[in-house]
Amino acid sequence: MPFGKCTCPKELPRCVCGAVSLGKIVNKKPIIPTEEEQRENSRAKSAKLRIFERE
């Protein structure tokens, strides 16, 4: 059983390759710090929060 991304064609109604999902992405876009937080903390400018929930 492969782990990670399914390699089946999109035309199929369900997964037939046997891929096992390691989890799911909770938010589509990364969460970035607010302008106020960036002013208070200069290192926050490059921060991006991504949320992945393991199953």
PDB file of N, CA and C in Angstrom:
ATOM      1  N   MET A   1       0.828  -1.186   0.000  1.00  0.00           N
ATOM      2  CA  MET A   1       0.000   0.000   0.000  1.00  0.00           C
ATOM      3  C   MET A   1       0.875   1.253   0.000  1.00  0.00           C
ATOM      4  N   PRO A   2       0.763   2.071  -1.020  1.00  0.00           N
ATOM      5  CA  PRO A   2       1.526   3.328  -1.018  1.00  0.00           C
ATOM      6  C   PRO A   2       0.901   4.343  -0.063  1.00  0.00           C
ATOM      7  N   PHE A   3       1.761   5.175   0.527  1.00  0.00           N
ATOM      8  CA  PHE A   3       1.284   6.223   1.419  1.00  0.00           C
ATOM      9  C   PHE A   3       1.322   7.555   0.701  1.00  0.00           C
ATOM     10  N   GLY A   4       0.411   8.437   1.048  1.00  0.00           N
ATOM     11  CA  GLY A   4       0.426   9.783   0.509  1.00  0.00           C
ATOM     12  C   GLY A   4      -0.605  10.008  -0.564  1.00  0.00           C
ATOM     13  N   LYS A   5      -0.171  10.616  -1.653  1.00  0.00           N
ATOM     14  CA  LYS A   5      -1.074  11.075  -2.699  1.00  0.00           C
ATOM     15  C   LYS A   5      -1.562   9.934  -3.593  1.00  0.00           C
ATOM     16  N   CYS A   6      -2.839   9.979  -3.920  1.00  0.00           N
ATOM     17  CA  CYS A   6      -3.457   9.012  -4.823  1.00  0.00           C
ATOM     18  C   CYS A   6      -2.965   9.264  -6.247  1.00  0.00           C
ATOM     19  N   THR A   7      -2.670   8.191  -6.971  1.00  0.00           N
ATOM     20  CA  THR A   7      -2.176   8.319  -8.344  1.00  0.00           C
ATOM     21  C   THR A   7      -3.233   7.930  -9.372  1.00  0.00           C
ATOM     22  N   CYS A   8      -4.463   7.726  -8.931  1.00  0.00           N
ATOM     23  CA  CYS A   8      -5.546   7.337  -9.841  1.00  0.00           C
ATOM     24  C   CYS A   8      -5.952   8.504 -10.740  1.00  0.00           C
ATOM     25  N   PRO A   9      -6.407   8.208 -11.976  1.00  0.00           N
ATOM     26  CA  PRO A   9      -6.907   9.281 -12.843  1.00  0.00           C
ATOM     27  C   PRO A   9      -8.149   9.929 -12.237  1.00  0.00           C
ATOM     28  N   LYS A  10      -8.345  11.213 -12.518  1.00  0.00           N
ATOM     29  CA  LYS A  10      -9.481  11.964 -11.967  1.00  0.00           C
ATOM     30  C   LYS A  10     -10.827  11.460 -12.494  1.00  0.00           C
ATOM     31  N   GLU A  11     -10.817  10.758 -13.607  1.00  0.00           N
ATOM     32  CA  GLU A  11     -12.067  10.277 -14.211  1.00  0.00           C
ATOM     33  C   GLU A  11     -12.700   9.149 -13.386  1.00  0.00           C
ATOM     34  N   LEU A  12     -11.919   8.460 -12.568  1.00  0.00           N
ATOM     35  CA  LEU A  12     -12.446   7.364 -11.773  1.00  0.00           C
ATOM     36  C   LEU A  12     -13.262   7.912 -10.601  1.00  0.00           C
ATOM     37  N   PRO A  13     -14.370   7.256 -10.265  1.00  0.00           N
ATOM     38  CA  PRO A  13     -15.220   7.754  -9.181  1.00  0.00           C
ATOM     39  C   PRO A  13     -14.607   7.584  -7.788  1.00  0.00           C
ATOM     40  N   ARG A  14     -13.681   6.639  -7.612  1.00  0.00           N
ATOM     41  CA  ARG A  14     -13.048   6.424  -6.314  1.00  0.00           C
ATOM     42  C   ARG A  14     -11.623   5.919  -6.507  1.00  0.00           C
ATOM     43  N   CYS A  15     -10.868   5.897  -5.444  1.00  0.00           N
ATOM     44  CA  CYS A  15      -9.468   5.477  -5.490  1.00  0.00           C
ATOM     45  C   CYS A  15      -9.368   3.963  -5.690  1.00  0.00           C
ATOM     46  N   VAL A  16      -8.575   3.548  -6.667  1.00  0.00           N
ATOM     47  CA  VAL A  16      -8.350   2.123  -6.896  1.00  0.00           C
ATOM     48  C   VAL A  16      -6.869   1.758  -6.765  1.00  0.00           C
ATOM     49  N   CYS A  17      -6.008   2.750  -6.514  1.00  0.00           N
ATOM     50  CA  CYS A  17      -4.566   2.475  -6.422  1.00  0.00           C
ATOM     51  C   CYS A  17      -4.166   1.986  -5.037  1.00  0.00           C
ATOM     52  N   GLY A  18      -5.048   2.123  -4.043  1.00  0.00           N
ATOM     53  CA  GLY A  18      -4.748   1.646  -2.701  1.00  0.00           C
ATOM     54  C   GLY A  18      -3.945   2.614  -1.864  1.00  0.00           C
ATOM     55  N   ALA A  19      -3.864   3.870  -2.267  1.00  0.00           N
ATOM     56  CA  ALA A  19      -3.118   4.871  -1.500  1.00  0.00           C
ATOM     57  C   ALA A  19      -3.803   5.109  -0.161  1.00  0.00           C
ATOM     58  N   VAL A  20      -3.006   5.238   0.887  1.00  0.00           N
ATOM     59  CA  VAL A  20      -3.527   5.489   2.224  1.00  0.00           C
ATOM     60  C   VAL A  20      -3.202   6.930   2.593  1.00  0.00           C
ATOM     61  N   SER A  21      -4.209   7.696   2.946  1.00  0.00           N
ATOM     62  CA  SER A  21      -4.018   9.090   3.312  1.00  0.00           C
ATOM     63  C   SER A  21      -3.339   9.183   4.671  1.00  0.00           C
ATOM     64  N   LEU A  22      -2.382  10.092   4.792  1.00  0.00           N
ATOM     65  CA  LEU A  22      -1.708  10.311   6.065  1.00  0.00           C
ATOM     66  C   LEU A  22      -2.446  11.332   6.917  1.00  0.00           C
ATOM     67  N   GLY A  23      -3.407  12.022   6.333  1.00  0.00           N
ATOM     68  CA  GLY A  23      -4.176  13.033   7.047  1.00  0.00           C
ATOM     69  C   GLY A  23      -4.852  13.956   6.060  1.00  0.00           C
ATOM     70  N   LYS A  24      -5.241  15.133   6.559  1.00  0.00           N
ATOM     71  CA  LYS A  24      -5.890  16.084   5.669  1.00  0.00           C
ATOM     72  C   LYS A  24      -5.420  17.497   5.993  1.00  0.00           C
ATOM     73  N   ILE A  25      -5.462  18.354   4.999  1.00  0.00           N
ATOM     74  CA  ILE A  25      -5.104  19.749   5.160  1.00  0.00           C
ATOM     75  C   ILE A  25      -6.338  20.469   5.705  1.00  0.00           C
ATOM     76  N   VAL A  26      -6.181  21.175   6.830  1.00  0.00           N
ATOM     77  CA  VAL A  26      -7.313  21.826   7.486  1.00  0.00           C
ATOM     78  C   VAL A  26      -7.671  23.141   6.806  1.00  0.00           C
ATOM     79  N   ASN A  27      -6.666  23.958   6.487  1.00  0.00           N
ATOM     80  CA  ASN A  27      -6.946  25.246   5.831  1.00  0.00           C
ATOM     81  C   ASN A  27      -6.295  25.257   4.453  1.00  0.00           C
ATOM     82  N   LYS A  28      -6.952  25.893   3.492  1.00  0.00           N
ATOM     83  CA  LYS A  28      -6.433  25.909   2.130  1.00  0.00           C
ATOM     84  C   LYS A  28      -5.261  26.865   1.959  1.00  0.00           C
ATOM     85  N   LYS A  29      -5.358  28.029   2.576  1.00  0.00           N
ATOM     86  CA  LYS A  29      -4.301  29.030   2.454  1.00  0.00           C
ATOM     87  C   LYS A  29      -3.551  29.141   3.775  1.00  0.00           C
ATOM     88  N   PRO A  30      -2.257  29.434   3.727  1.00  0.00           N
ATOM     89  CA  PRO A  30      -1.532  29.621   4.984  1.00  0.00           C
ATOM     90  C   PRO A  30      -2.017  30.868   5.724  1.00  0.00           C
ATOM     91  N   ILE A  31      -1.963  30.801   7.046  1.00  0.00           N
ATOM     92  CA  ILE A  31      -2.350  31.934   7.890  1.00  0.00           C
ATOM     93  C   ILE A  31      -1.111  32.799   8.095  1.00  0.00           C
ATOM     94  N   ILE A  32      -1.235  34.075   7.752  1.00  0.00           N
ATOM     95  CA  ILE A  32      -0.096  34.984   7.875  1.00  0.00           C
ATOM     96  C   ILE A  32      -0.345  35.953   9.029  1.00  0.00           C
ATOM     97  N   PRO A  33       0.715  36.504   9.619  1.00  0.00           N
ATOM     98  CA  PRO A  33       0.541  37.413  10.756  1.00  0.00           C
ATOM     99  C   PRO A  33      -0.094  38.733  10.339  1.00  0.00           C
ATOM    100  N   THR A  34      -0.769  39.373  11.277  1.00  0.00           N
ATOM    101  CA  THR A  34      -1.400  40.665  11.017  1.00  0.00           C
ATOM    102  C   THR A  34      -0.336  41.761  10.943  1.00  0.00           C
ATOM    103  N   GLU A  35      -0.727  42.914  10.444  1.00  0.00           N
ATOM    104  CA  GLU A  35       0.189  44.058  10.367  1.00  0.00           C
ATOM    105  C   GLU A  35       0.702  44.451  11.747  1.00  0.00           C
ATOM    106  N   GLU A  36      -0.197  44.425  12.729  1.00  0.00           N
ATOM    107  CA  GLU A  36       0.186  44.789  14.104  1.00  0.00           C
ATOM    108  C   GLU A  36       1.227  43.808  14.654  1.00  0.00           C
ATOM    109  N   GLU A  37       1.010  42.531  14.412  1.00  0.00           N
ATOM    110  CA  GLU A  37       1.964  41.525  14.896  1.00  0.00           C
ATOM    111  C   GLU A  37       3.322  41.669  14.211  1.00  0.00           C
ATOM    112  N   GLN A  38       3.313  42.024  12.943  1.00  0.00           N
ATOM    113  CA  GLN A  38       4.565  42.228  12.217  1.00  0.00           C
ATOM    114  C   GLN A  38       5.327  43.438  12.754  1.00  0.00           C
ATOM    115  N   ARG A  39       4.598  44.488  13.162  1.00  0.00           N
ATOM    116  CA  ARG A  39       5.257  45.660  13.746  1.00  0.00           C
ATOM    117  C   ARG A  39       5.901  45.325  15.091  1.00  0.00           C
ATOM    118  N   GLU A  40       5.179  44.522  15.894  1.00  0.00           N
ATOM    119  CA  GLU A  40       5.684  44.158  17.214  1.00  0.00           C
ATOM    120  C   GLU A  40       6.827  43.148  17.154  1.00  0.00           C
ATOM    121  N   ASN A  41       6.783  42.257  16.176  1.00  0.00           N
ATOM    122  CA  ASN A  41       7.773  41.190  16.068  1.00  0.00           C
ATOM    123  C   ASN A  41       8.269  41.138  14.620  1.00  0.00           C
ATOM    124  N   SER A  42       9.468  41.618  14.365  1.00  0.00           N
ATOM    125  CA  SER A  42       9.973  41.710  12.989  1.00  0.00           C
ATOM    126  C   SER A  42      10.167  40.336  12.342  1.00  0.00           C
ATOM    127  N   ARG A  43      10.406  39.304  13.149  1.00  0.00           N
ATOM    128  CA  ARG A  43      10.598  37.966  12.580  1.00  0.00           C
ATOM    129  C   ARG A  43       9.291  37.347  12.092  1.00  0.00           C
ATOM    130  N   ALA A  44       8.167  37.931  12.441  1.00  0.00           N
ATOM    131  CA  ALA A  44       6.869  37.400  12.032  1.00  0.00           C
ATOM    132  C   ALA A  44       6.574  37.670  10.556  1.00  0.00           C
ATOM    133  N   LYS A  45       7.354  38.542   9.915  1.00  0.00           N
ATOM    134  CA  LYS A  45       7.095  38.890   8.511  1.00  0.00           C
ATOM    135  C   LYS A  45       7.126  37.680   7.593  1.00  0.00           C
ATOM    136  N   SER A  46       7.998  36.734   7.867  1.00  0.00           N
ATOM    137  CA  SER A  46       8.136  35.574   6.992  1.00  0.00           C
ATOM    138  C   SER A  46       7.332  34.364   7.478  1.00  0.00           C
ATOM    139  N   ALA A  47       6.594  34.505   8.569  1.00  0.00           N
ATOM    140  CA  ALA A  47       5.868  33.370   9.147  1.00  0.00           C
ATOM    141  C   ALA A  47       4.614  33.042   8.354  1.00  0.00           C
ATOM    142  N   LYS A  48       4.379  31.746   8.151  1.00  0.00           N
ATOM    143  CA  LYS A  48       3.163  31.253   7.515  1.00  0.00           C
ATOM    144  C   LYS A  48       2.740  29.983   8.244  1.00  0.00           C
ATOM    145  N   LEU A  49       1.535  29.967   8.794  1.00  0.00           N
ATOM    146  CA  LEU A  49       1.040  28.835   9.528  1.00  0.00           C
ATOM    147  C   LEU A  49       0.205  27.956   8.616  1.00  0.00           C
ATOM    148  N   ARG A  50       0.603  26.697   8.522  1.00  0.00           N
ATOM    149  CA  ARG A  50      -0.155  25.703   7.745  1.00  0.00           C
ATOM    150  C   ARG A  50      -0.580  24.608   8.703  1.00  0.00           C
ATOM    151  N   ILE A  51      -1.830  24.144   8.574  1.00  0.00           N
ATOM    152  CA  ILE A  51      -2.366  23.157   9.510  1.00  0.00           C
ATOM    153  C   ILE A  51      -2.661  21.864   8.773  1.00  0.00           C
ATOM    154  N   PHE A  52      -2.069  20.765   9.270  1.00  0.00           N
ATOM    155  CA  PHE A  52      -2.274  19.430   8.723  1.00  0.00           C
ATOM    156  C   PHE A  52      -2.701  18.519   9.866  1.00  0.00           C
ATOM    157  N   GLU A  53      -3.823  17.845   9.715  1.00  0.00           N
ATOM    158  CA  GLU A  53      -4.347  16.979  10.765  1.00  0.00           C
ATOM    159  C   GLU A  53      -4.089  15.527  10.394  1.00  0.00           C
ATOM    160  N   ARG A  54      -3.335  14.835  11.244  1.00  0.00           N
ATOM    161  CA  ARG A  54      -3.044  13.422  10.996  1.00  0.00           C
ATOM    162  C   ARG A  54      -4.246  12.562  11.352  1.00  0.00           C
ATOM    163  N   GLU A  55      -4.399  11.484  10.650  1.00  0.00           N
ATOM    164  CA  GLU A  55      -5.519  10.562  10.917  1.00  0.00           C
ATOM    165  C   GLU A  55      -5.082   9.408  11.757  1.00  0.00           C
TER     166      GLU A  55
END
